[in-house]
């Protein structure tokens, strides 16, 4: 059986990290499935999904890492 559901989210912009666990759990609860695999797909060229322990220190580290990789406030050729 394949079940497809959509979760739409709004973020606060650049480097926002959103815990989607409760959204996924709610969809699973509605499905009445008790085994299987959940696949998360993110549309858009500037979004991503990962599995991490949603812990405030780790979230801060991720935001700082992205700022080092692609700093704000500098010109980019593709803008």
C-alpha atoms as a PDB file:
ATOM      1  CA  UNK A   1       0.000   0.000   0.000  1.00  0.00           C
ATOM      2  CA  UNK A   2       1.252   3.476  -0.872  1.00  0.00           C
ATOM      3  CA  UNK A   3      -0.200   6.438   0.976  1.00  0.00           C
ATOM      4  CA  UNK A   4       0.663   9.996  -0.017  1.00  0.00           C
ATOM      5  CA  UNK A   5      -0.023  12.955   2.250  1.00  0.00           C
ATOM      6  CA  UNK A   6       1.016  16.604   2.040  1.00  0.00           C
ATOM      7  CA  UNK A   7       2.198  18.812   4.881  1.00  0.00           C
ATOM      8  CA  UNK A   8       2.485  22.528   4.070  1.00  0.00           C
ATOM      9  CA  UNK A   9       4.593  24.749   6.306  1.00  0.00           C
ATOM     10  CA  UNK A  10       5.549  28.398   6.514  1.00  0.00           C
ATOM     11  CA  UNK A  11       9.007  29.226   7.821  1.00  0.00           C
ATOM     12  CA  UNK A  12      10.565  32.355   9.245  1.00  0.00           C
ATOM     13  CA  UNK A  13      12.979  32.605   6.328  1.00  0.00           C
ATOM     14  CA  UNK A  14      16.702  32.068   6.004  1.00  0.00           C
ATOM     15  CA  UNK A  15      18.104  29.129   7.983  1.00  0.00           C
ATOM     16  CA  UNK A  16      14.867  28.498   9.841  1.00  0.00           C
ATOM     17  CA  UNK A  17      14.842  25.005  11.331  1.00  0.00           C
ATOM     18  CA  UNK A  18      11.396  23.466  11.820  1.00  0.00           C
ATOM     19  CA  UNK A  19      10.667  20.326  13.805  1.00  0.00           C
ATOM     20  CA  UNK A  20       8.122  18.419  11.688  1.00  0.00           C
ATOM     21  CA  UNK A  21       7.879  15.363  13.954  1.00  0.00           C
ATOM     22  CA  UNK A  22       4.388  16.163  15.234  1.00  0.00           C
ATOM     23  CA  UNK A  23       3.106  16.810  11.685  1.00  0.00           C
ATOM     24  CA  UNK A  24       4.388  13.427  10.511  1.00  0.00           C
ATOM     25  CA  UNK A  25       3.067  11.661  13.613  1.00  0.00           C
ATOM     26  CA  UNK A  26      -0.382  13.198  13.046  1.00  0.00           C
ATOM     27  CA  UNK A  27      -0.464  11.957   9.454  1.00  0.00           C
ATOM     28  CA  UNK A  28       0.599   8.494  10.576  1.00  0.00           C
ATOM     29  CA  UNK A  29      -2.080   8.404  13.277  1.00  0.00           C
ATOM     30  CA  UNK A  30      -4.750   9.215  10.670  1.00  0.00           C
ATOM     31  CA  UNK A  31      -3.502   6.450   8.379  1.00  0.00           C
ATOM     32  CA  UNK A  32      -4.001   3.559  10.835  1.00  0.00           C
ATOM     33  CA  UNK A  33      -0.807   2.001   9.454  1.00  0.00           C
ATOM     34  CA  UNK A  34       1.399   0.202  11.966  1.00  0.00           C
ATOM     35  CA  UNK A  35       4.506  -0.524   9.895  1.00  0.00           C
ATOM     36  CA  UNK A  36       6.301   0.808   6.856  1.00  0.00           C
ATOM     37  CA  UNK A  37       8.648   3.533   5.723  1.00  0.00           C
ATOM     38  CA  UNK A  38       8.069   7.285   5.768  1.00  0.00           C
ATOM     39  CA  UNK A  39       9.673   9.257   2.962  1.00  0.00           C
ATOM     40  CA  UNK A  40       9.947  13.028   3.284  1.00  0.00           C
ATOM     41  CA  UNK A  41      10.228  15.058   0.072  1.00  0.00           C
ATOM     42  CA  UNK A  42      10.821  18.801   0.077  1.00  0.00           C
ATOM     43  CA  UNK A  43       9.956  20.869  -2.979  1.00  0.00           C
ATOM     44  CA  UNK A  44      11.831  24.026  -3.840  1.00  0.00           C
ATOM     45  CA  UNK A  45      15.466  24.722  -4.531  1.00  0.00           C
ATOM     46  CA  UNK A  46      16.266  26.359  -1.194  1.00  0.00           C
ATOM     47  CA  UNK A  47      14.705  23.927   1.276  1.00  0.00           C
ATOM     48  CA  UNK A  48      15.982  20.707   2.750  1.00  0.00           C
ATOM     49  CA  UNK A  49      15.125  17.969   5.203  1.00  0.00           C
ATOM     50  CA  UNK A  50      17.323  16.049   7.592  1.00  0.00           C
ATOM     51  CA  UNK A  51      16.986  13.803  10.598  1.00  0.00           C
ATOM     52  CA  UNK A  52      18.554  15.238  13.724  1.00  0.00           C
ATOM     53  CA  UNK A  53      17.914  15.332  17.419  1.00  0.00           C
ATOM     54  CA  UNK A  54      15.908  18.546  17.657  1.00  0.00           C
ATOM     55  CA  UNK A  55      17.949  20.070  20.458  1.00  0.00           C
ATOM     56  CA  UNK A  56      18.442  23.853  20.832  1.00  0.00           C
ATOM     57  CA  UNK A  57      22.251  23.678  20.802  1.00  0.00           C
ATOM     58  CA  UNK A  58      22.293  21.579  17.643  1.00  0.00           C
ATOM     59  CA  UNK A  59      19.785  23.856  15.925  1.00  0.00           C
ATOM     60  CA  UNK A  60      22.025  26.850  16.754  1.00  0.00           C
ATOM     61  CA  UNK A  61      25.085  24.972  15.451  1.00  0.00           C
ATOM     62  CA  UNK A  62      23.332  24.212  12.152  1.00  0.00           C
ATOM     63  CA  UNK A  63      22.342  27.855  11.678  1.00  0.00           C
ATOM     64  CA  UNK A  64      25.910  28.993  12.410  1.00  0.00           C
ATOM     65  CA  UNK A  65      27.330  26.401   9.999  1.00  0.00           C
ATOM     66  CA  UNK A  66      25.092  27.621   7.166  1.00  0.00           C
ATOM     67  CA  UNK A  67      26.085  31.213   7.906  1.00  0.00           C
ATOM     68  CA  UNK A  68      29.761  30.217   7.534  1.00  0.00           C
ATOM     69  CA  UNK A  69      29.050  28.343   4.279  1.00  0.00           C
ATOM     70  CA  UNK A  70      26.896  31.069   2.680  1.00  0.00           C
ATOM     71  CA  UNK A  71      27.173  34.318   4.660  1.00  0.00           C
ATOM     72  CA  UNK A  72      24.445  36.942   4.542  1.00  0.00           C
ATOM     73  CA  UNK A  73      25.321  40.487   3.607  1.00  0.00           C
ATOM     74  CA  UNK A  74      27.694  39.724   0.735  1.00  0.00           C
ATOM     75  CA  UNK A  75      26.856  39.957  -2.969  1.00  0.00           C
ATOM     76  CA  UNK A  76      26.258  36.752  -4.903  1.00  0.00           C
ATOM     77  CA  UNK A  77      26.433  36.516  -8.701  1.00  0.00           C
ATOM     78  CA  UNK A  78      23.202  34.510  -8.930  1.00  0.00           C
ATOM     79  CA  UNK A  79      20.967  37.090  -7.204  1.00  0.00           C
END
